[in-house]
Amino acid sequence: MKHTNVFEGKIEGKITVAATCGKDGQKTLTATVEYGGKTYTDEITVTVPATGNHTYVGGVCTGCQSPEA
């Protein structure tokens, strides 16, 4: 017979490097669960794809420095 335990946990995400128009960013995900009076955590870092969206200030993109068309 197979036994299955169900646990409640939480996953939190934090942007560690913001994605820009031309560069990928990074997000760290941390999972936490309590069992038997102990807290267990695991963490992974995933890629956040570049946005492809330019933000212009003074006619120049703040992410890649390209001039506004």
PDB file of N, CA and C in Angstrom:
ATOM      1  N   MET A   1       0.843  -1.180   0.000  1.00  0.00           N
ATOM      2  CA  MET A   1       0.000   0.000   0.000  1.00  0.00           C
ATOM      3  C   MET A   1       0.890   1.245   0.000  1.00  0.00           C
ATOM      4  N   LYS A   2       0.510   2.182  -0.823  1.00  0.00           N
ATOM      5  CA  LYS A   2       1.277   3.422  -0.950  1.00  0.00           C
ATOM      6  C   LYS A   2       0.706   4.479  -0.008  1.00  0.00           C
ATOM      7  N   HIS A   3       1.585   5.135   0.734  1.00  0.00           N
ATOM      8  CA  HIS A   3       1.172   6.215   1.636  1.00  0.00           C
ATOM      9  C   HIS A   3       1.558   7.553   1.011  1.00  0.00           C
ATOM     10  N   THR A   4       0.658   8.488   1.098  1.00  0.00           N
ATOM     11  CA  THR A   4       0.910   9.830   0.573  1.00  0.00           C
ATOM     12  C   THR A   4       0.617  10.845   1.657  1.00  0.00           C
ATOM     13  N   ASN A   5       1.586  11.709   1.908  1.00  0.00           N
ATOM     14  CA  ASN A   5       1.398  12.803   2.861  1.00  0.00           C
ATOM     15  C   ASN A   5       1.189  14.086   2.073  1.00  0.00           C
ATOM     16  N   VAL A   6       0.291  14.909   2.547  1.00  0.00           N
ATOM     17  CA  VAL A   6       0.031  16.196   1.913  1.00  0.00           C
ATOM     18  C   VAL A   6       0.504  17.294   2.863  1.00  0.00           C
ATOM     19  N   PHE A   7       1.311  18.198   2.327  1.00  0.00           N
ATOM     20  CA  PHE A   7       1.864  19.270   3.137  1.00  0.00           C
ATOM     21  C   PHE A   7       1.470  20.611   2.541  1.00  0.00           C
ATOM     22  N   GLU A   8       1.303  21.585   3.413  1.00  0.00           N
ATOM     23  CA  GLU A   8       1.091  22.949   2.952  1.00  0.00           C
ATOM     24  C   GLU A   8       2.425  23.665   3.009  1.00  0.00           C
ATOM     25  N   GLY A   9       2.718  24.389   1.975  1.00  0.00           N
ATOM     26  CA  GLY A   9       3.960  25.140   1.921  1.00  0.00           C
ATOM     27  C   GLY A   9       3.718  26.443   1.204  1.00  0.00           C
ATOM     28  N   LYS A  10       4.796  27.158   0.963  1.00  0.00           N
ATOM     29  CA  LYS A  10       4.663  28.408   0.223  1.00  0.00           C
ATOM     30  C   LYS A  10       5.858  28.557  -0.709  1.00  0.00           C
ATOM     31  N   ILE A  11       5.613  29.246  -1.793  1.00  0.00           N
ATOM     32  CA  ILE A  11       6.649  29.564  -2.761  1.00  0.00           C
ATOM     33  C   ILE A  11       6.670  31.068  -2.923  1.00  0.00           C
ATOM     34  N   GLU A  12       7.848  31.629  -2.765  1.00  0.00           N
ATOM     35  CA  GLU A  12       8.009  33.070  -2.918  1.00  0.00           C
ATOM     36  C   GLU A  12       8.980  33.329  -4.063  1.00  0.00           C
ATOM     37  N   GLY A  13       8.693  34.341  -4.865  1.00  0.00           N
ATOM     38  CA  GLY A  13       9.564  34.714  -5.964  1.00  0.00           C
ATOM     39  C   GLY A  13      10.095  36.117  -5.784  1.00  0.00           C
ATOM     40  N   LYS A  14      11.357  36.301  -6.142  1.00  0.00           N
ATOM     41  CA  LYS A  14      11.974  37.621  -6.039  1.00  0.00           C
ATOM     42  C   LYS A  14      12.829  37.854  -7.287  1.00  0.00           C
ATOM     43  N   ILE A  15      12.574  38.969  -7.956  1.00  0.00           N
ATOM     44  CA  ILE A  15      13.393  39.344  -9.108  1.00  0.00           C
ATOM     45  C   ILE A  15      14.762  39.774  -8.571  1.00  0.00           C
ATOM     46  N   THR A  16      15.803  39.074  -9.012  1.00  0.00           N
ATOM     47  CA  THR A  16      17.157  39.417  -8.556  1.00  0.00           C
ATOM     48  C   THR A  16      17.913  40.233  -9.597  1.00  0.00           C
ATOM     49  N   VAL A  17      17.539  40.047 -10.869  1.00  0.00           N
ATOM     50  CA  VAL A  17      18.076  40.859 -11.963  1.00  0.00           C
ATOM     51  C   VAL A  17      16.900  41.168 -12.882  1.00  0.00           C
ATOM     52  N   ALA A  18      16.565  42.431 -13.019  1.00  0.00           N
ATOM     53  CA  ALA A  18      15.421  42.824 -13.841  1.00  0.00           C
ATOM     54  C   ALA A  18      15.726  42.610 -15.329  1.00  0.00           C
ATOM     55  N   ALA A  19      14.757  42.070 -16.054  1.00  0.00           N
ATOM     56  CA  ALA A  19      14.884  41.931 -17.501  1.00  0.00           C
ATOM     57  C   ALA A  19      14.729  43.301 -18.146  1.00  0.00           C
ATOM     58  N   THR A  20      15.463  43.521 -19.215  1.00  0.00           N
ATOM     59  CA  THR A  20      15.352  44.771 -19.962  1.00  0.00           C
ATOM     60  C   THR A  20      14.898  44.456 -21.381  1.00  0.00           C
ATOM     61  N   CYS A  21      14.923  45.445 -22.221  1.00  0.00           N
ATOM     62  CA  CYS A  21      14.465  45.252 -23.603  1.00  0.00           C
ATOM     63  C   CYS A  21      15.285  44.190 -24.327  1.00  0.00           C
ATOM     64  N   GLY A  22      16.577  44.134 -24.064  1.00  0.00           N
ATOM     65  CA  GLY A  22      17.435  43.212 -24.797  1.00  0.00           C
ATOM     66  C   GLY A  22      18.185  42.206 -23.963  1.00  0.00           C
ATOM     67  N   LYS A  23      18.030  42.252 -22.656  1.00  0.00           N
ATOM     68  CA  LYS A  23      18.775  41.322 -21.794  1.00  0.00           C
ATOM     69  C   LYS A  23      17.824  40.563 -20.879  1.00  0.00           C
ATOM     70  N   ASP A  24      18.087  39.259 -20.743  1.00  0.00           N
ATOM     71  CA  ASP A  24      17.312  38.435 -19.821  1.00  0.00           C
ATOM     72  C   ASP A  24      17.595  38.849 -18.380  1.00  0.00           C
ATOM     73  N   GLY A  25      16.643  38.589 -17.517  1.00  0.00           N
ATOM     74  CA  GLY A  25      16.813  38.833 -16.092  1.00  0.00           C
ATOM     75  C   GLY A  25      16.804  37.500 -15.353  1.00  0.00           C
ATOM     76  N   GLN A  26      16.743  37.571 -14.026  1.00  0.00           N
ATOM     77  CA  GLN A  26      16.709  36.369 -13.198  1.00  0.00           C
ATOM     78  C   GLN A  26      15.709  36.546 -12.073  1.00  0.00           C
ATOM     79  N   LYS A  27      15.072  35.437 -11.726  1.00  0.00           N
ATOM     80  CA  LYS A  27      14.129  35.407 -10.613  1.00  0.00           C
ATOM     81  C   LYS A  27      14.491  34.219  -9.731  1.00  0.00           C
ATOM     82  N   THR A  28      14.551  34.447  -8.428  1.00  0.00           N
ATOM     83  CA  THR A  28      14.826  33.380  -7.477  1.00  0.00           C
ATOM     84  C   THR A  28      13.521  32.943  -6.840  1.00  0.00           C
ATOM     85  N   LEU A  29      13.254  31.634  -6.886  1.00  0.00           N
ATOM     86  CA  LEU A  29      12.059  31.055  -6.279  1.00  0.00           C
ATOM     87  C   LEU A  29      12.488  30.244  -5.065  1.00  0.00           C
ATOM     88  N   THR A  30      11.832  30.497  -3.935  1.00  0.00           N
ATOM     89  CA  THR A  30      12.136  29.792  -2.705  1.00  0.00           C
ATOM     90  C   THR A  30      10.885  29.077  -2.211  1.00  0.00           C
ATOM     91  N   ALA A  31      10.996  27.762  -2.041  1.00  0.00           N
ATOM     92  CA  ALA A  31       9.892  26.947  -1.525  1.00  0.00           C
ATOM     93  C   ALA A  31      10.189  26.596  -0.070  1.00  0.00           C
ATOM     94  N   THR A  32       9.162  26.702   0.778  1.00  0.00           N
ATOM     95  CA  THR A  32       9.312  26.409   2.204  1.00  0.00           C
ATOM     96  C   THR A  32       8.152  25.529   2.656  1.00  0.00           C
ATOM     97  N   VAL A  33       8.481  24.500   3.439  1.00  0.00           N
ATOM     98  CA  VAL A  33       7.461  23.620   4.007  1.00  0.00           C
ATOM     99  C   VAL A  33       7.917  23.201   5.406  1.00  0.00           C
ATOM    100  N   GLU A  34       6.953  23.025   6.305  1.00  0.00           N
ATOM    101  CA  GLU A  34       7.257  22.553   7.656  1.00  0.00           C
ATOM    102  C   GLU A  34       6.777  21.120   7.803  1.00  0.00           C
ATOM    103  N   TYR A  35       7.616  20.291   8.443  1.00  0.00           N
ATOM    104  CA  TYR A  35       7.264  18.898   8.682  1.00  0.00           C
ATOM    105  C   TYR A  35       7.993  18.416   9.933  1.00  0.00           C
ATOM    106  N   GLY A  36       7.257  17.824  10.818  1.00  0.00           N
ATOM    107  CA  GLY A  36       7.859  17.268  12.028  1.00  0.00           C
ATOM    108  C   GLY A  36       8.578  18.295  12.874  1.00  0.00           C
ATOM    109  N   GLY A  37       8.070  19.520  12.879  1.00  0.00           N
ATOM    110  CA  GLY A  37       8.683  20.568  13.690  1.00  0.00           C
ATOM    111  C   GLY A  37       9.907  21.206  13.049  1.00  0.00           C
ATOM    112  N   LYS A  38      10.235  20.798  11.848  1.00  0.00           N
ATOM    113  CA  LYS A  38      11.391  21.372  11.149  1.00  0.00           C
ATOM    114  C   LYS A  38      10.918  22.112   9.898  1.00  0.00           C
ATOM    115  N   THR A  39      11.695  23.106   9.493  1.00  0.00           N
ATOM    116  CA  THR A  39      11.403  23.863   8.284  1.00  0.00           C
ATOM    117  C   THR A  39      12.409  23.473   7.206  1.00  0.00           C
ATOM    118  N   TYR A  40      11.873  23.143   6.026  1.00  0.00           N
ATOM    119  CA  TYR A  40      12.703  22.760   4.898  1.00  0.00           C
ATOM    120  C   TYR A  40      12.521  23.786   3.787  1.00  0.00           C
ATOM    121  N   THR A  41      13.628  24.151   3.148  1.00  0.00           N
ATOM    122  CA  THR A  41      13.562  25.116   2.052  1.00  0.00           C
ATOM    123  C   THR A  41      14.387  24.621   0.869  1.00  0.00           C
ATOM    124  N   ASP A  42      14.009  25.078  -0.292  1.00  0.00           N
ATOM    125  CA  ASP A  42      14.771  24.823  -1.503  1.00  0.00           C
ATOM    126  C   ASP A  42      14.658  26.069  -2.365  1.00  0.00           C
ATOM    127  N   GLU A  43      15.684  26.304  -3.152  1.00  0.00           N
ATOM    128  CA  GLU A  43      15.722  27.535  -3.921  1.00  0.00           C
ATOM    129  C   GLU A  43      16.243  27.237  -5.325  1.00  0.00           C
ATOM    130  N   ILE A  44      15.614  27.856  -6.326  1.00  0.00           N
ATOM    131  CA  ILE A  44      16.110  27.772  -7.700  1.00  0.00           C
ATOM    132  C   ILE A  44      16.101  29.170  -8.305  1.00  0.00           C
ATOM    133  N   THR A  45      16.935  29.354  -9.309  1.00  0.00           N
ATOM    134  CA  THR A  45      16.967  30.605 -10.049  1.00  0.00           C
ATOM    135  C   THR A  45      16.552  30.310 -11.479  1.00  0.00           C
ATOM    136  N   VAL A  46      15.606  31.083 -11.988  1.00  0.00           N
ATOM    137  CA  VAL A  46      15.111  30.892 -13.345  1.00  0.00           C
ATOM    138  C   VAL A  46      15.346  32.155 -14.162  1.00  0.00           C
ATOM    139  N   THR A  47      15.386  31.978 -15.463  1.00  0.00           N
ATOM    140  CA  THR A  47      15.586  33.098 -16.385  1.00  0.00           C
ATOM    141  C   THR A  47      14.257  33.782 -16.682  1.00  0.00           C
ATOM    142  N   VAL A  48      14.281  35.104 -16.635  1.00  0.00           N
ATOM    143  CA  VAL A  48      13.134  35.921 -17.038  1.00  0.00           C
ATOM    144  C   VAL A  48      13.491  36.476 -18.417  1.00  0.00           C
ATOM    145  N   PRO A  49      12.728  36.124 -19.453  1.00  0.00           N
ATOM    146  CA  PRO A  49      13.088  36.568 -20.806  1.00  0.00           C
ATOM    147  C   PRO A  49      13.109  38.093 -20.951  1.00  0.00           C
ATOM    148  N   ALA A  50      13.981  38.552 -21.836  1.00  0.00           N
ATOM    149  CA  ALA A  50      14.031  39.978 -22.165  1.00  0.00           C
ATOM    150  C   ALA A  50      12.645  40.441 -22.595  1.00  0.00           C
ATOM    151  N   THR A  51      12.301  41.657 -22.246  1.00  0.00           N
ATOM    152  CA  THR A  51      10.945  42.158 -22.503  1.00  0.00           C
ATOM    153  C   THR A  51      10.707  42.533 -23.956  1.00  0.00           C
ATOM    154  N   GLY A  52      11.742  42.973 -24.637  1.00  0.00           N
ATOM    155  CA  GLY A  52      11.569  43.456 -26.005  1.00  0.00           C
ATOM    156  C   GLY A  52      10.936  44.845 -26.065  1.00  0.00           C
ATOM    157  N   ASN A  53      10.596  45.396 -24.915  1.00  0.00           N
ATOM    158  CA  ASN A  53       9.963  46.717 -24.836  1.00  0.00           C
ATOM    159  C   ASN A  53      10.991  47.769 -24.437  1.00  0.00           C
ATOM    160  N   HIS A  54      11.078  48.815 -25.213  1.00  0.00           N
ATOM    161  CA  HIS A  54      12.016  49.898 -24.922  1.00  0.00           C
ATOM    162  C   HIS A  54      11.348  50.961 -24.059  1.00  0.00           C
ATOM    163  N   THR A  55      12.125  51.549 -23.150  1.00  0.00           N
ATOM    164  CA  THR A  55      11.673  52.677 -22.338  1.00  0.00           C
ATOM    165  C   THR A  55      12.590  53.850 -22.668  1.00  0.00           C
ATOM    166  N   TYR A  56      12.004  54.853 -23.280  1.00  0.00           N
ATOM    167  CA  TYR A  56      12.807  55.995 -23.734  1.00  0.00           C
ATOM    168  C   TYR A  56      12.727  57.166 -22.747  1.00  0.00           C
ATOM    169  N   VAL A  57      13.892  57.708 -22.473  1.00  0.00           N
ATOM    170  CA  VAL A  57      14.007  58.924 -21.672  1.00  0.00           C
ATOM    171  C   VAL A  57      14.960  59.838 -22.434  1.00  0.00           C
ATOM    172  N   GLY A  58      14.473  60.998 -22.777  1.00  0.00           N
ATOM    173  CA  GLY A  58      15.308  61.936 -23.530  1.00  0.00           C
ATOM    174  C   GLY A  58      15.683  61.408 -24.907  1.00  0.00           C
ATOM    175  N   GLY A  59      14.834  60.552 -25.489  1.00  0.00           N
ATOM    176  CA  GLY A  59      15.078  60.042 -26.826  1.00  0.00           C
ATOM    177  C   GLY A  59      16.009  58.838 -26.902  1.00  0.00           C
ATOM    178  N   VAL A  60      16.414  58.299 -25.733  1.00  0.00           N
ATOM    179  CA  VAL A  60      17.326  57.153 -25.705  1.00  0.00           C
ATOM    180  C   VAL A  60      16.743  56.074 -24.800  1.00  0.00           C
ATOM    181  N   CYS A  61      16.825  54.811 -25.251  1.00  0.00           N
ATOM    182  CA  CYS A  61      16.321  53.687 -24.450  1.00  0.00           C
ATOM    183  C   CYS A  61      17.193  53.512 -23.206  1.00  0.00           C
ATOM    184  N   THR A  62      16.556  53.400 -22.053  1.00  0.00           N
ATOM    185  CA  THR A  62      17.298  53.240 -20.806  1.00  0.00           C
ATOM    186  C   THR A  62      17.910  51.849 -20.663  1.00  0.00           C
ATOM    187  N   GLY A  63      17.435  50.872 -21.443  1.00  0.00           N
ATOM    188  CA  GLY A  63      17.950  49.508 -21.357  1.00  0.00           C
ATOM    189  C   GLY A  63      19.105  49.227 -22.303  1.00  0.00           C
ATOM    190  N   CYS A  64      18.977  49.669 -23.565  1.00  0.00           N
ATOM    191  CA  CYS A  64      20.000  49.323 -24.565  1.00  0.00           C
ATOM    192  C   CYS A  64      20.674  50.531 -25.207  1.00  0.00           C
ATOM    193  N   GLN A  65      20.251  51.703 -24.804  1.00  0.00           N
ATOM    194  CA  GLN A  65      20.832  52.966 -25.277  1.00  0.00           C
ATOM    195  C   GLN A  65      20.539  53.268 -26.751  1.00  0.00           C
ATOM    196  N   SER A  66      19.601  52.552 -27.374  1.00  0.00           N
ATOM    197  CA  SER A  66      19.267  52.846 -28.780  1.00  0.00           C
ATOM    198  C   SER A  66      18.431  54.124 -28.853  1.00  0.00           C
ATOM    199  N   PRO A  67      18.600  54.875 -29.935  1.00  0.00           N
ATOM    200  CA  PRO A  67      17.843  56.127 -30.075  1.00  0.00           C
ATOM    201  C   PRO A  67      16.383  55.838 -30.421  1.00  0.00           C
ATOM    202  N   GLU A  68      15.518  56.725 -29.968  1.00  0.00           N
ATOM    203  CA  GLU A  68      14.087  56.590 -30.271  1.00  0.00           C
ATOM    204  C   GLU A  68      13.852  56.846 -31.752  1.00  0.00           C
ATOM    205  N   ALA A  69      13.067  55.989 -32.375  1.00  0.00           N
ATOM    206  CA  ALA A  69      12.805  56.123 -33.823  1.00  0.00           C
ATOM    207  C   ALA A  69      11.767  57.182 -34.109  1.00  0.00           C
TER     208      ALA A  69
END
